[in-house]
Amino acid sequence: MVKSLVLENISVGFKLPQGVFYAVDDVSLNLHGGNFTAIIGESGCGKSVLAQAILNKMPSGDVKNGREL
């Protein structure tokens, strides 16, 4: 059975003294099982933060929004 991962409107922010800084803002993905997928981008653009949010490995106290289907 090939499974899929569908994520809609994922946002991850970090609470700072100046307010909330969003490292990932309103990202949606539709990943199909059995395929290789790469997330590419410049250094500091939020790739690792997105991966940690998908795996639910973010430190407590961070702001997380979104819906997993």
Protein backbone atom coordinates (compact mmCIF):
# COMPACT_ATOMS: atom_id res chain seq x y z
CA MET A 1 0.00 0.00 0.00
CA VAL A 2 1.43 3.37 -1.03
CA LYS A 3 0.74 6.09 1.51
CA SER A 4 0.69 9.83 0.97
CA LEU A 5 1.44 12.76 3.21
CA VAL A 6 -0.69 15.84 2.68
CA LEU A 7 0.03 18.99 4.66
CA GLU A 8 -1.88 22.24 4.33
CA ASN A 9 -0.94 25.70 5.50
CA ILE A 10 1.96 24.76 7.77
CA SER A 11 3.46 27.66 9.71
CA VAL A 12 6.14 27.45 12.40
CA GLY A 13 7.17 30.46 14.42
CA PHE A 14 9.59 31.18 17.22
CA LYS A 15 8.67 33.47 20.09
CA LEU A 16 11.17 36.33 20.38
CA PRO A 17 11.13 39.44 22.59
CA GLN A 18 10.14 41.48 19.50
CA GLY A 19 7.25 39.12 18.65
CA VAL A 20 6.89 35.90 16.67
CA PHE A 21 9.35 35.15 13.84
CA TYR A 22 7.93 32.71 11.27
CA ALA A 23 10.65 30.45 9.85
CA VAL A 24 7.99 28.57 7.82
CA ASP A 25 4.91 30.46 6.71
CA ASP A 26 1.89 28.89 4.97
CA VAL A 27 3.54 25.88 3.28
CA SER A 28 1.43 23.13 1.71
CA LEU A 29 2.78 19.78 0.46
CA ASN A 30 1.34 16.70 -1.20
CA LEU A 31 3.91 13.87 -1.04
CA HIS A 32 3.15 10.52 -2.67
CA GLY A 33 4.53 7.26 -1.30
CA GLY A 34 6.96 5.31 -3.47
CA ASN A 35 8.57 8.49 -4.83
CA PHE A 36 11.66 10.42 -3.84
CA THR A 37 11.09 14.05 -2.93
CA ALA A 38 13.71 16.71 -2.30
CA ILE A 39 13.17 20.03 -0.60
CA ILE A 40 15.78 22.49 -1.78
CA GLY A 41 16.46 26.12 -1.01
CA GLU A 42 18.99 28.60 0.24
CA SER A 43 20.63 28.33 3.63
CA GLY A 44 18.31 29.56 6.36
CA CYS A 45 15.10 29.34 4.31
CA GLY A 46 13.33 26.91 6.70
CA LYS A 47 13.94 23.45 5.20
CA SER A 48 15.07 21.88 8.48
CA VAL A 49 12.36 23.62 10.50
CA LEU A 50 9.72 22.27 8.08
CA ALA A 51 11.15 18.73 8.37
CA GLN A 52 11.20 18.95 12.17
CA ALA A 53 7.59 20.17 12.20
CA ILE A 54 6.51 17.27 9.96
CA LEU A 55 8.23 14.81 12.33
CA ASN A 56 6.79 16.63 15.39
CA LYS A 57 10.30 17.25 16.75
CA MET A 58 10.00 20.99 17.42
CA PRO A 59 10.94 22.25 20.89
CA SER A 60 8.00 23.11 23.12
CA GLY A 61 6.97 26.75 23.22
CA ASP A 62 7.19 27.23 19.47
CA VAL A 63 4.13 28.37 17.54
CA LYS A 64 2.80 25.70 15.18
CA ASN A 65 -0.20 25.99 12.89
CA GLY A 66 -1.51 23.82 10.11
CA ARG A 67 -3.51 20.79 9.28
CA GLU A 68 -2.32 17.28 8.48
CA LEU A 69 -4.73 15.27 6.36
